[in-house]
């Protein structure tokens, strides 16, 4: 009879190193227009990038700082930077999933995230905020799940410096707990924090108008592209369905045992996110749907493994 032996984080770290490396390789091979990566980060740091990229400063400044610190060639440091974002996302995911599950199911959650993440590598060059968003969104969700309010506030502040989709973290925080006076005050404070950072970026970096409306274009994208296109490219607009439909199916079948956090993430935050993305983002750039992974995977794990915490 084989004895039961618990494996902690140190025991699975080599696996996470391998996963981050494999994902980094896939990311590099799938992406196109690699020359745009460094041009974009340089223009954000210089303050010359067009909106909305001009206001998404965290990842470009972090990359610039890492380049100066390591003294690596920018192209080499770019690979290191993205690997660190991937590895950090897996560590944050482990912390997140371990809120409810033992190590085995937590690792399964990260494997699920790693398996689905390449669906967000399509039809775009490698925006620096993409994998940073996965790390920060997952970290914020972990802090929320564990009741670390100040940790959540810190993760939210960093996320607000990275992408505007961080606003959905405020909505998730507000809905995830019963409403009382303390929770309302905290939620209002977090909303004010997000708004202050977002407006300050536009004030300091120069307010520039642009038209974010994408609904008409996205309706056209839902139709398959002409047959002359590579079949892989023809279905880009539907990749988000592949990303979330299996997760939502598992969640629906296990709804009674889901936590309040998982229920509001699936039933309220995810539909709100999809609606805003359809109206104001290009749905063929599936990187924009990355936050749906930390929103939905814990609930999918609950459907597969009984929580033990």
C-alpha atoms as a PDB file:
ATOM      1  CA  UNK A   1       0.000   0.000   0.000  1.00  0.00           C
ATOM      2  CA  UNK A   2       1.422   3.371  -0.968  1.00  0.00           C
ATOM      3  CA  UNK A   3       1.372   5.879   1.866  1.00  0.00           C
ATOM      4  CA  UNK A   4      -0.210   9.268   1.382  1.00  0.00           C
ATOM      5  CA  UNK A   5       2.303  12.088   1.320  1.00  0.00           C
ATOM      6  CA  UNK A   6       1.507  15.748   0.995  1.00  0.00           C
ATOM      7  CA  UNK A   7       3.334  17.829  -1.609  1.00  0.00           C
ATOM      8  CA  UNK A   8       3.699  21.527  -0.897  1.00  0.00           C
ATOM      9  CA  UNK A   9       4.561  24.479  -3.095  1.00  0.00           C
ATOM     10  CA  UNK A  10       8.273  23.646  -3.139  1.00  0.00           C
ATOM     11  CA  UNK A  11       7.449  20.213  -4.489  1.00  0.00           C
ATOM     12  CA  UNK A  12       5.577  21.601  -7.494  1.00  0.00           C
ATOM     13  CA  UNK A  13       7.835  24.569  -8.261  1.00  0.00           C
ATOM     14  CA  UNK A  14       9.796  22.621 -10.931  1.00  0.00           C
ATOM     15  CA  UNK A  15       6.497  21.879 -12.654  1.00  0.00           C
ATOM     16  CA  UNK A  16       5.588  25.571 -12.652  1.00  0.00           C
ATOM     17  CA  UNK A  17       9.004  26.454 -14.064  1.00  0.00           C
ATOM     18  CA  UNK A  18       8.397  23.977 -16.891  1.00  0.00           C
ATOM     19  CA  UNK A  19       4.864  25.267 -17.499  1.00  0.00           C
ATOM     20  CA  UNK A  20       6.002  28.898 -17.648  1.00  0.00           C
ATOM     21  CA  UNK A  21       8.768  27.948 -20.078  1.00  0.00           C
ATOM     22  CA  UNK A  22       6.440  25.914 -22.303  1.00  0.00           C
ATOM     23  CA  UNK A  23       3.864  28.721 -22.357  1.00  0.00           C
ATOM     24  CA  UNK A  24       6.573  31.250 -23.134  1.00  0.00           C
ATOM     25  CA  UNK A  25       7.704  29.151 -26.093  1.00  0.00           C
ATOM     26  CA  UNK A  26       4.153  28.821 -27.428  1.00  0.00           C
ATOM     27  CA  UNK A  27       3.594  32.547 -26.907  1.00  0.00           C
ATOM     28  CA  UNK A  28       6.688  33.393 -28.941  1.00  0.00           C
ATOM     29  CA  UNK A  29       5.911  30.969 -31.769  1.00  0.00           C
ATOM     30  CA  UNK A  30       2.229  31.934 -32.117  1.00  0.00           C
ATOM     31  CA  UNK A  31       2.717  35.706 -31.930  1.00  0.00           C
ATOM     32  CA  UNK A  32       3.413  37.821 -34.970  1.00  0.00           C
ATOM     33  CA  UNK A  33       5.024  41.240 -35.505  1.00  0.00           C
ATOM     34  CA  UNK A  34       7.666  40.787 -32.810  1.00  0.00           C
ATOM     35  CA  UNK A  35       9.297  44.043 -33.840  1.00  0.00           C
ATOM     36  CA  UNK A  36       6.269  45.892 -32.464  1.00  0.00           C
ATOM     37  CA  UNK A  37       6.863  44.632 -28.908  1.00  0.00           C
ATOM     38  CA  UNK A  38       9.885  46.780 -28.111  1.00  0.00           C
ATOM     39  CA  UNK A  39       8.632  49.730 -30.168  1.00  0.00           C
ATOM     40  CA  UNK A  40       5.438  49.829 -28.133  1.00  0.00           C
ATOM     41  CA  UNK A  41       7.109  49.595 -24.726  1.00  0.00           C
ATOM     42  CA  UNK A  42       9.584  52.318 -25.673  1.00  0.00           C
ATOM     43  CA  UNK A  43       6.831  54.652 -26.853  1.00  0.00           C
ATOM     44  CA  UNK A  44       4.795  54.135 -23.663  1.00  0.00           C
ATOM     45  CA  UNK A  45       7.827  54.941 -21.497  1.00  0.00           C
ATOM     46  CA  UNK A  46       8.521  57.983 -23.663  1.00  0.00           C
ATOM     47  CA  UNK A  47       4.884  59.115 -23.346  1.00  0.00           C
ATOM     48  CA  UNK A  48       4.327  59.160 -27.100  1.00  0.00           C
ATOM     49  CA  UNK A  49       2.107  56.091 -27.529  1.00  0.00           C
ATOM     50  CA  UNK A  50      -1.450  56.641 -28.741  1.00  0.00           C
ATOM     51  CA  UNK A  51      -4.350  56.029 -26.331  1.00  0.00           C
ATOM     52  CA  UNK A  52      -5.366  53.809 -24.692  1.00  0.00           C
ATOM     53  CA  UNK A  53      -1.914  52.218 -24.614  1.00  0.00           C
ATOM     54  CA  UNK A  54      -0.435  55.488 -23.378  1.00  0.00           C
ATOM     55  CA  UNK A  55      -2.172  54.991 -20.027  1.00  0.00           C
ATOM     56  CA  UNK A  56      -1.209  51.331 -19.533  1.00  0.00           C
ATOM     57  CA  UNK A  57       2.156  52.095 -18.052  1.00  0.00           C
ATOM     58  CA  UNK A  58       2.919  49.374 -15.506  1.00  0.00           C
ATOM     59  CA  UNK A  59       4.196  46.615 -17.775  1.00  0.00           C
ATOM     60  CA  UNK A  60       6.287  48.875 -20.054  1.00  0.00           C
ATOM     61  CA  UNK A  61       7.908  50.598 -17.064  1.00  0.00           C
ATOM     62  CA  UNK A  62       8.494  47.239 -15.349  1.00  0.00           C
ATOM     63  CA  UNK A  63      10.143  45.912 -18.499  1.00  0.00           C
ATOM     64  CA  UNK A  64      12.257  49.045 -18.823  1.00  0.00           C
ATOM     65  CA  UNK A  65      13.358  48.728 -15.196  1.00  0.00           C
ATOM     66  CA  UNK A  66      14.188  45.037 -15.626  1.00  0.00           C
ATOM     67  CA  UNK A  67      16.266  45.845 -18.712  1.00  0.00           C
ATOM     68  CA  UNK A  68      18.261  48.435 -16.780  1.00  0.00           C
ATOM     69  CA  UNK A  69      18.667  46.116 -13.798  1.00  0.00           C
ATOM     70  CA  UNK A  70      19.819  43.040 -15.707  1.00  0.00           C
ATOM     71  CA  UNK A  71      21.680  44.932 -18.460  1.00  0.00           C
ATOM     72  CA  UNK A  72      20.451  42.332 -20.904  1.00  0.00           C
ATOM     73  CA  UNK A  73      19.801  43.175 -24.514  1.00  0.00           C
ATOM     74  CA  UNK A  74      16.183  44.394 -24.774  1.00  0.00           C
ATOM     75  CA  UNK A  75      15.124  41.445 -26.934  1.00  0.00           C
ATOM     76  CA  UNK A  76      16.524  38.965 -24.390  1.00  0.00           C
ATOM     77  CA  UNK A  77      15.036  40.842 -21.460  1.00  0.00           C
ATOM     78  CA  UNK A  78      11.664  40.792 -23.217  1.00  0.00           C
ATOM     79  CA  UNK A  79      11.624  36.987 -23.052  1.00  0.00           C
ATOM     80  CA  UNK A  80      12.669  37.074 -19.390  1.00  0.00           C
ATOM     81  CA  UNK A  81       9.979  39.627 -18.585  1.00  0.00           C
ATOM     82  CA  UNK A  82       7.201  37.560 -20.118  1.00  0.00           C
ATOM     83  CA  UNK A  83       8.497  34.383 -18.445  1.00  0.00           C
ATOM     84  CA  UNK A  84       8.419  36.124 -15.075  1.00  0.00           C
ATOM     85  CA  UNK A  85       4.813  37.213 -15.682  1.00  0.00           C
ATOM     86  CA  UNK A  86       3.857  33.639 -16.539  1.00  0.00           C
ATOM     87  CA  UNK A  87       5.685  32.159 -13.563  1.00  0.00           C
ATOM     88  CA  UNK A  88       4.193  34.781 -11.248  1.00  0.00           C
ATOM     89  CA  UNK A  89       0.727  33.960 -12.598  1.00  0.00           C
ATOM     90  CA  UNK A  90       1.203  30.295 -11.739  1.00  0.00           C
ATOM     91  CA  UNK A  91       2.380  31.149  -8.222  1.00  0.00           C
ATOM     92  CA  UNK A  92      -0.587  33.489  -7.762  1.00  0.00           C
ATOM     93  CA  UNK A  93      -2.868  30.770  -9.106  1.00  0.00           C
ATOM     94  CA  UNK A  94      -1.467  28.272  -6.625  1.00  0.00           C
ATOM     95  CA  UNK A  95      -2.115  30.694  -3.759  1.00  0.00           C
ATOM     96  CA  UNK A  96      -5.607  31.329  -5.112  1.00  0.00           C
ATOM     97  CA  UNK A  97      -6.682  27.729  -5.607  1.00  0.00           C
ATOM     98  CA  UNK A  98      -5.154  26.597  -2.320  1.00  0.00           C
ATOM     99  CA  UNK A  99      -7.739  28.786  -0.581  1.00  0.00           C
ATOM    100  CA  UNK A 100     -10.192  25.898  -1.040  1.00  0.00           C
ATOM    101  CA  UNK A 101      -8.258  22.888  -2.321  1.00  0.00           C
ATOM    102  CA  UNK A 102      -5.294  20.693  -1.499  1.00  0.00           C
ATOM    103  CA  UNK A 103      -2.161  20.800  -3.643  1.00  0.00           C
ATOM    104  CA  UNK A 104      -3.318  18.298  -6.279  1.00  0.00           C
ATOM    105  CA  UNK A 105      -6.485  20.152  -7.315  1.00  0.00           C
ATOM    106  CA  UNK A 106      -4.625  23.480  -7.059  1.00  0.00           C
ATOM    107  CA  UNK A 107      -2.037  22.218  -9.524  1.00  0.00           C
ATOM    108  CA  UNK A 108      -4.899  20.994 -11.728  1.00  0.00           C
ATOM    109  CA  UNK A 109      -6.275  24.538 -11.707  1.00  0.00           C
ATOM    110  CA  UNK A 110      -2.956  25.903 -12.914  1.00  0.00           C
ATOM    111  CA  UNK A 111      -2.712  23.168 -15.554  1.00  0.00           C
ATOM    112  CA  UNK A 112      -6.179  24.136 -16.750  1.00  0.00           C
ATOM    113  CA  UNK A 113      -5.181  27.792 -16.893  1.00  0.00           C
ATOM    114  CA  UNK A 114      -1.993  26.909 -18.791  1.00  0.00           C
ATOM    115  CA  UNK A 115      -3.898  24.711 -21.250  1.00  0.00           C
ATOM    116  CA  UNK A 116      -6.476  27.396 -22.071  1.00  0.00           C
ATOM    117  CA  UNK A 117      -4.169  30.413 -22.022  1.00  0.00           C
ATOM    118  CA  UNK A 118      -2.804  29.855 -25.574  1.00  0.00           C
ATOM    119  CA  UNK A 119      -6.286  30.668 -26.862  1.00  0.00           C
ATOM    120  CA  UNK A 120      -5.455  34.249 -25.830  1.00  0.00           C
ATOM    121  CA  UNK A 121      -2.209  34.313 -27.836  1.00  0.00           C
ATOM    122  CA  UNK A 122      -4.000  34.873 -31.141  1.00  0.00           C
ATOM    123  CA  UNK A 123      -4.251  37.645 -33.717  1.00  0.00           C
ATOM    124  CA  UNK A 124      -2.059  40.182 -31.973  1.00  0.00           C
ATOM    125  CA  UNK A 125       1.502  40.991 -31.211  1.00  0.00           C
ATOM    126  CA  UNK A 126       2.590  40.500 -27.619  1.00  0.00           C
ATOM    127  CA  UNK A 127       1.175  43.461 -25.701  1.00  0.00           C
ATOM    128  CA  UNK A 128       3.215  43.806 -22.489  1.00  0.00           C
ATOM    129  CA  UNK A 129       0.122  44.287 -20.322  1.00  0.00           C
ATOM    130  CA  UNK A 130      -1.394  40.935 -21.335  1.00  0.00           C
ATOM    131  CA  UNK A 131       0.504  38.488 -19.121  1.00  0.00           C
ATOM    132  CA  UNK A 132       0.950  41.132 -16.436  1.00  0.00           C
ATOM    133  CA  UNK A 133      -2.837  41.325 -16.318  1.00  0.00           C
ATOM    134  CA  UNK A 134      -3.104  37.575 -15.771  1.00  0.00           C
ATOM    135  CA  UNK A 135      -0.666  37.790 -12.858  1.00  0.00           C
ATOM    136  CA  UNK A 136      -2.272  40.813 -11.173  1.00  0.00           C
ATOM    137  CA  UNK A 137      -5.881  39.733 -11.734  1.00  0.00           C
ATOM    138  CA  UNK A 138      -5.143  36.290 -10.296  1.00  0.00           C
ATOM    139  CA  UNK A 139      -3.260  37.811  -7.370  1.00  0.00           C
ATOM    140  CA  UNK A 140      -6.135  40.185  -6.603  1.00  0.00           C
ATOM    141  CA  UNK A 141      -8.626  37.307  -6.730  1.00  0.00           C
ATOM    142  CA  UNK A 142      -6.428  35.315  -4.358  1.00  0.00           C
ATOM    143  CA  UNK A 143      -6.317  38.215  -1.904  1.00  0.00           C
ATOM    144  CA  UNK A 144     -10.099  38.603  -2.103  1.00  0.00           C
ATOM    145  CA  UNK A 145     -10.707  34.893  -1.564  1.00  0.00           C
ATOM    146  CA  UNK A 146      -8.434  34.866   1.480  1.00  0.00           C
ATOM    147  CA  UNK A 147      -9.882  38.039   3.008  1.00  0.00           C
ATOM    148  CA  UNK A 148      -6.684  40.056   2.592  1.00  0.00           C
ATOM    149  CA  UNK A 149      -8.337  43.420   1.957  1.00  0.00           C
ATOM    150  CA  UNK A 150      -5.161  45.495   2.001  1.00  0.00           C
ATOM    151  CA  UNK A 151      -3.467  42.986  -0.279  1.00  0.00           C
ATOM    152  CA  UNK A 152      -6.417  43.258  -2.633  1.00  0.00           C
ATOM    153  CA  UNK A 153      -6.140  47.057  -2.575  1.00  0.00           C
ATOM    154  CA  UNK A 154      -2.452  46.852  -3.497  1.00  0.00           C
ATOM    155  CA  UNK A 155      -3.134  44.419  -6.344  1.00  0.00           C
ATOM    156  CA  UNK A 156      -5.987  46.628  -7.559  1.00  0.00           C
ATOM    157  CA  UNK A 157      -3.764  49.715  -7.593  1.00  0.00           C
ATOM    158  CA  UNK A 158      -1.138  47.912  -9.673  1.00  0.00           C
ATOM    159  CA  UNK A 159      -3.829  46.521 -11.972  1.00  0.00           C
ATOM    160  CA  UNK A 160      -5.238  50.018 -12.526  1.00  0.00           C
ATOM    161  CA  UNK A 161      -1.789  51.074 -13.752  1.00  0.00           C
ATOM    162  CA  UNK A 162      -1.841  48.169 -16.181  1.00  0.00           C
ATOM    163  CA  UNK A 163      -5.313  47.986 -17.782  1.00  0.00           C
ATOM    164  CA  UNK A 164      -8.749  49.523 -17.420  1.00  0.00           C
ATOM    165  CA  UNK A 165     -10.325  46.067 -17.057  1.00  0.00           C
ATOM    166  CA  UNK A 166      -9.139  46.222 -13.453  1.00  0.00           C
ATOM    167  CA  UNK A 167     -12.473  47.971 -12.791  1.00  0.00           C
ATOM    168  CA  UNK A 168     -14.091  44.540 -12.787  1.00  0.00           C
ATOM    169  CA  UNK A 169     -12.082  43.697  -9.685  1.00  0.00           C
ATOM    170  CA  UNK A 170     -13.976  46.422  -7.826  1.00  0.00           C
ATOM    171  CA  UNK A 171     -17.286  44.943  -8.978  1.00  0.00           C
ATOM    172  CA  UNK A 172     -16.146  41.464  -7.931  1.00  0.00           C
ATOM    173  CA  UNK A 173     -15.104  42.724  -4.502  1.00  0.00           C
ATOM    174  CA  UNK A 174     -18.441  44.436  -3.898  1.00  0.00           C
ATOM    175  CA  UNK A 175     -20.541  41.421  -4.911  1.00  0.00           C
ATOM    176  CA  UNK A 176     -18.426  38.714  -3.284  1.00  0.00           C
ATOM    177  CA  UNK A 177     -19.507  39.458   0.302  1.00  0.00           C
ATOM    178  CA  UNK A 178     -22.721  40.269   2.142  1.00  0.00           C
ATOM    179  CA  UNK A 179     -23.437  43.977   2.223  1.00  0.00           C
ATOM    180  CA  UNK A 180     -22.819  45.729   5.528  1.00  0.00           C
ATOM    181  CA  UNK A 181     -21.470  49.126   6.458  1.00  0.00           C
ATOM    182  CA  UNK A 182     -17.819  48.082   6.541  1.00  0.00           C
ATOM    183  CA  UNK A 183     -18.069  46.341   3.189  1.00  0.00           C
ATOM    184  CA  UNK A 184     -19.763  49.333   1.556  1.00  0.00           C
ATOM    185  CA  UNK A 185     -17.049  51.650   2.889  1.00  0.00           C
ATOM    186  CA  UNK A 186     -14.301  49.353   1.634  1.00  0.00           C
ATOM    187  CA  UNK A 187     -15.959  48.986  -1.762  1.00  0.00           C
ATOM    188  CA  UNK A 188     -16.392  52.735  -2.123  1.00  0.00           C
ATOM    189  CA  UNK A 189     -12.771  53.288  -1.112  1.00  0.00           C
ATOM    190  CA  UNK A 190     -11.538  50.762  -3.680  1.00  0.00           C
ATOM    191  CA  UNK A 191     -13.697  52.351  -6.382  1.00  0.00           C
ATOM    192  CA  UNK A 192     -12.258  55.764  -5.483  1.00  0.00           C
ATOM    193  CA  UNK A 193      -8.731  54.326  -5.587  1.00  0.00           C
ATOM    194  CA  UNK A 194      -9.285  52.868  -9.059  1.00  0.00           C
ATOM    195  CA  UNK A 195     -10.863  56.091 -10.331  1.00  0.00           C
ATOM    196  CA  UNK A 196      -8.113  58.268  -8.860  1.00  0.00           C
ATOM    197  CA  UNK A 197      -5.378  56.228 -10.558  1.00  0.00           C
ATOM    198  CA  UNK A 198      -7.225  56.099 -13.875  1.00  0.00           C
ATOM    199  CA  UNK A 199      -7.918  59.842 -13.972  1.00  0.00           C
ATOM    200  CA  UNK A 200      -4.436  60.733 -12.723  1.00  0.00           C
ATOM    201  CA  UNK A 201      -2.842  58.793 -15.570  1.00  0.00           C
ATOM    202  CA  UNK A 202      -4.880  60.743 -18.089  1.00  0.00           C
ATOM    203  CA  UNK A 203      -4.117  64.058 -16.415  1.00  0.00           C
ATOM    204  CA  UNK A 204      -0.384  63.468 -16.077  1.00  0.00           C
ATOM    205  CA  UNK A 205       0.151  61.843 -19.478  1.00  0.00           C
ATOM    206  CA  UNK A 206      -2.181  64.069 -21.460  1.00  0.00           C
ATOM    207  CA  UNK A 207      -5.825  63.416 -22.210  1.00  0.00           C
ATOM    208  CA  UNK A 208      -6.210  62.291 -25.815  1.00  0.00           C
ATOM    209  CA  UNK A 209      -9.542  61.400 -27.344  1.00  0.00           C
ATOM    210  CA  UNK A 210     -10.139  58.206 -29.279  1.00  0.00           C
ATOM    211  CA  UNK A 211     -13.188  56.264 -30.375  1.00  0.00           C
ATOM    212  CA  UNK A 212     -13.455  53.032 -28.375  1.00  0.00           C
ATOM    213  CA  UNK A 213     -16.746  51.874 -29.927  1.00  0.00           C
ATOM    214  CA  UNK A 214     -16.270  48.445 -31.525  1.00  0.00           C
ATOM    215  CA  UNK A 215     -19.762  46.894 -31.551  1.00  0.00           C
ATOM    216  CA  UNK A 216     -20.397  47.210 -35.300  1.00  0.00           C
ATOM    217  CA  UNK A 217     -16.987  45.792 -36.160  1.00  0.00           C
ATOM    218  CA  UNK A 218     -17.401  42.938 -33.688  1.00  0.00           C
ATOM    219  CA  UNK A 219     -20.752  41.970 -35.200  1.00  0.00           C
ATOM    220  CA  UNK A 220     -18.947  41.598 -38.514  1.00  0.00           C
ATOM    221  CA  UNK A 221     -16.206  39.528 -36.869  1.00  0.00           C
ATOM    222  CA  UNK A 222     -18.770  36.996 -35.620  1.00  0.00           C
ATOM    223  CA  UNK A 223     -19.255  35.897 -39.206  1.00  0.00           C
ATOM    224  CA  UNK A 224     -16.495  33.620 -40.401  1.00  0.00           C
ATOM    225  CA  UNK A 225     -13.876  35.320 -42.522  1.00  0.00           C
ATOM    226  CA  UNK A 226     -13.846  34.439 -46.250  1.00  0.00           C
ATOM    227  CA  UNK A 227     -12.607  31.029 -47.316  1.00  0.00           C
ATOM    228  CA  UNK A 228      -9.395  32.566 -48.683  1.00  0.00           C
ATOM    229  CA  UNK A 229      -8.204  33.057 -45.118  1.00  0.00           C
ATOM    230  CA  UNK A 230      -6.344  30.354 -43.200  1.00  0.00           C
ATOM    231  CA  UNK A 231      -8.989  28.333 -41.243  1.00  0.00           C
ATOM    232  CA  UNK A 232      -7.167  29.176 -38.019  1.00  0.00           C
ATOM    233  CA  UNK A 233      -7.664  32.894 -38.636  1.00  0.00           C
ATOM    234  CA  UNK A 234     -11.269  32.561 -39.790  1.00  0.00           C
ATOM    235  CA  UNK A 235     -12.593  31.631 -36.339  1.00  0.00           C
ATOM    236  CA  UNK A 236     -10.694  34.083 -34.133  1.00  0.00           C
ATOM    237  CA  UNK A 237     -13.865  35.803 -32.960  1.00  0.00           C
ATOM    238  CA  UNK A 238     -15.167  32.529 -31.492  1.00  0.00           C
ATOM    239  CA  UNK A 239     -12.074  31.630 -29.500  1.00  0.00           C
ATOM    240  CA  UNK A 240     -13.597  33.188 -26.381  1.00  0.00           C
ATOM    241  CA  UNK A 241     -16.379  30.578 -26.582  1.00  0.00           C
ATOM    242  CA  UNK A 242     -13.764  27.820 -26.549  1.00  0.00           C
ATOM    243  CA  UNK A 243     -12.120  29.578 -23.640  1.00  0.00           C
ATOM    244  CA  UNK A 244     -15.112  29.810 -21.321  1.00  0.00           C
ATOM    245  CA  UNK A 245     -17.947  27.527 -22.515  1.00  0.00           C
ATOM    246  CA  UNK A 246     -16.530  24.314 -20.956  1.00  0.00           C
ATOM    247  CA  UNK A 247     -15.873  26.156 -17.697  1.00  0.00           C
ATOM    248  CA  UNK A 248     -19.402  27.583 -17.602  1.00  0.00           C
ATOM    249  CA  UNK A 249     -20.819  24.124 -18.345  1.00  0.00           C
ATOM    250  CA  UNK A 250     -19.026  22.664 -15.320  1.00  0.00           C
ATOM    251  CA  UNK A 251     -20.126  25.569 -13.145  1.00  0.00           C
ATOM    252  CA  UNK A 252     -23.777  25.270 -14.181  1.00  0.00           C
ATOM    253  CA  UNK A 253     -23.815  21.558 -13.370  1.00  0.00           C
ATOM    254  CA  UNK A 254     -22.438  22.203  -9.873  1.00  0.00           C
ATOM    255  CA  UNK A 255     -24.221  25.471  -9.077  1.00  0.00           C
ATOM    256  CA  UNK A 256     -25.636  24.502  -5.642  1.00  0.00           C
ATOM    257  CA  UNK A 257     -22.192  23.797  -4.185  1.00  0.00           C
ATOM    258  CA  UNK A 258     -20.476  26.886  -5.595  1.00  0.00           C
ATOM    259  CA  UNK A 259     -19.217  29.640  -3.288  1.00  0.00           C
ATOM    260  CA  UNK A 260     -20.697  33.128  -3.371  1.00  0.00           C
ATOM    261  CA  UNK A 261     -17.470  34.384  -4.970  1.00  0.00           C
ATOM    262  CA  UNK A 262     -17.690  31.822  -7.773  1.00  0.00           C
ATOM    263  CA  UNK A 263     -21.383  32.482  -8.362  1.00  0.00           C
ATOM    264  CA  UNK A 264     -21.050  36.247  -8.750  1.00  0.00           C
ATOM    265  CA  UNK A 265     -17.909  35.797 -10.861  1.00  0.00           C
ATOM    266  CA  UNK A 266     -19.752  33.488 -13.276  1.00  0.00           C
ATOM    267  CA  UNK A 267     -23.258  34.982 -13.253  1.00  0.00           C
ATOM    268  CA  UNK A 268     -22.560  38.724 -12.987  1.00  0.00           C
ATOM    269  CA  UNK A 269     -18.933  39.730 -13.544  1.00  0.00           C
ATOM    270  CA  UNK A 270     -18.297  37.460 -16.528  1.00  0.00           C
ATOM    271  CA  UNK A 271     -21.405  38.600 -18.499  1.00  0.00           C
ATOM    272  CA  UNK A 272     -20.578  42.242 -17.663  1.00  0.00           C
ATOM    273  CA  UNK A 273     -17.005  41.703 -18.843  1.00  0.00           C
ATOM    274  CA  UNK A 274     -18.174  40.090 -22.101  1.00  0.00           C
ATOM    275  CA  UNK A 275     -20.625  42.913 -22.787  1.00  0.00           C
ATOM    276  CA  UNK A 276     -18.044  45.648 -22.227  1.00  0.00           C
ATOM    277  CA  UNK A 277     -15.480  43.759 -24.312  1.00  0.00           C
ATOM    278  CA  UNK A 278     -17.975  43.423 -27.171  1.00  0.00           C
ATOM    279  CA  UNK A 279     -18.816  47.115 -27.086  1.00  0.00           C
ATOM    280  CA  UNK A 280     -15.368  48.605 -26.563  1.00  0.00           C
ATOM    281  CA  UNK A 281     -12.705  46.051 -27.574  1.00  0.00           C
ATOM    282  CA  UNK A 282     -11.880  43.978 -30.621  1.00  0.00           C
ATOM    283  CA  UNK A 283     -13.086  40.453 -29.869  1.00  0.00           C
ATOM    284  CA  UNK A 284     -10.673  38.891 -32.363  1.00  0.00           C
ATOM    285  CA  UNK A 285      -7.852  39.925 -30.030  1.00  0.00           C
ATOM    286  CA  UNK A 286      -8.606  37.211 -27.513  1.00  0.00           C
ATOM    287  CA  UNK A 287      -5.945  38.415 -25.085  1.00  0.00           C
ATOM    288  CA  UNK A 288      -8.601  40.803 -23.748  1.00  0.00           C
ATOM    289  CA  UNK A 289     -10.495  37.834 -22.266  1.00  0.00           C
ATOM    290  CA  UNK A 290      -7.605  36.636 -20.106  1.00  0.00           C
ATOM    291  CA  UNK A 291      -9.200  37.757 -16.769  1.00  0.00           C
ATOM    292  CA  UNK A 292     -12.009  35.266 -17.350  1.00  0.00           C
ATOM    293  CA  UNK A 293      -9.605  32.455 -16.463  1.00  0.00           C
ATOM    294  CA  UNK A 294      -9.077  33.437 -12.803  1.00  0.00           C
ATOM    295  CA  UNK A 295     -12.750  34.372 -12.590  1.00  0.00           C
ATOM    296  CA  UNK A 296     -14.022  30.950 -13.672  1.00  0.00           C
ATOM    297  CA  UNK A 297     -11.404  28.291 -12.945  1.00  0.00           C
ATOM    298  CA  UNK A 298     -12.001  28.050  -9.156  1.00  0.00           C
ATOM    299  CA  UNK A 299     -15.668  27.266  -9.789  1.00  0.00           C
ATOM    300  CA  UNK A 300     -14.725  24.662 -12.408  1.00  0.00           C
ATOM    301  CA  UNK A 301     -12.404  23.062  -9.847  1.00  0.00           C
ATOM    302  CA  UNK A 302     -15.279  22.943  -7.355  1.00  0.00           C
ATOM    303  CA  UNK A 303     -17.246  20.952  -9.916  1.00  0.00           C
ATOM    304  CA  UNK A 304     -14.368  18.486 -10.288  1.00  0.00           C
ATOM    305  CA  UNK A 305     -13.037  18.258  -6.733  1.00  0.00           C
ATOM    306  CA  UNK A 306     -14.911  18.656  -3.443  1.00  0.00           C
ATOM    307  CA  UNK A 307     -13.385  21.613  -1.588  1.00  0.00           C
ATOM    308  CA  UNK A 308     -11.477  20.468   1.501  1.00  0.00           C
ATOM    309  CA  UNK A 309     -11.076  23.816   3.244  1.00  0.00           C
END
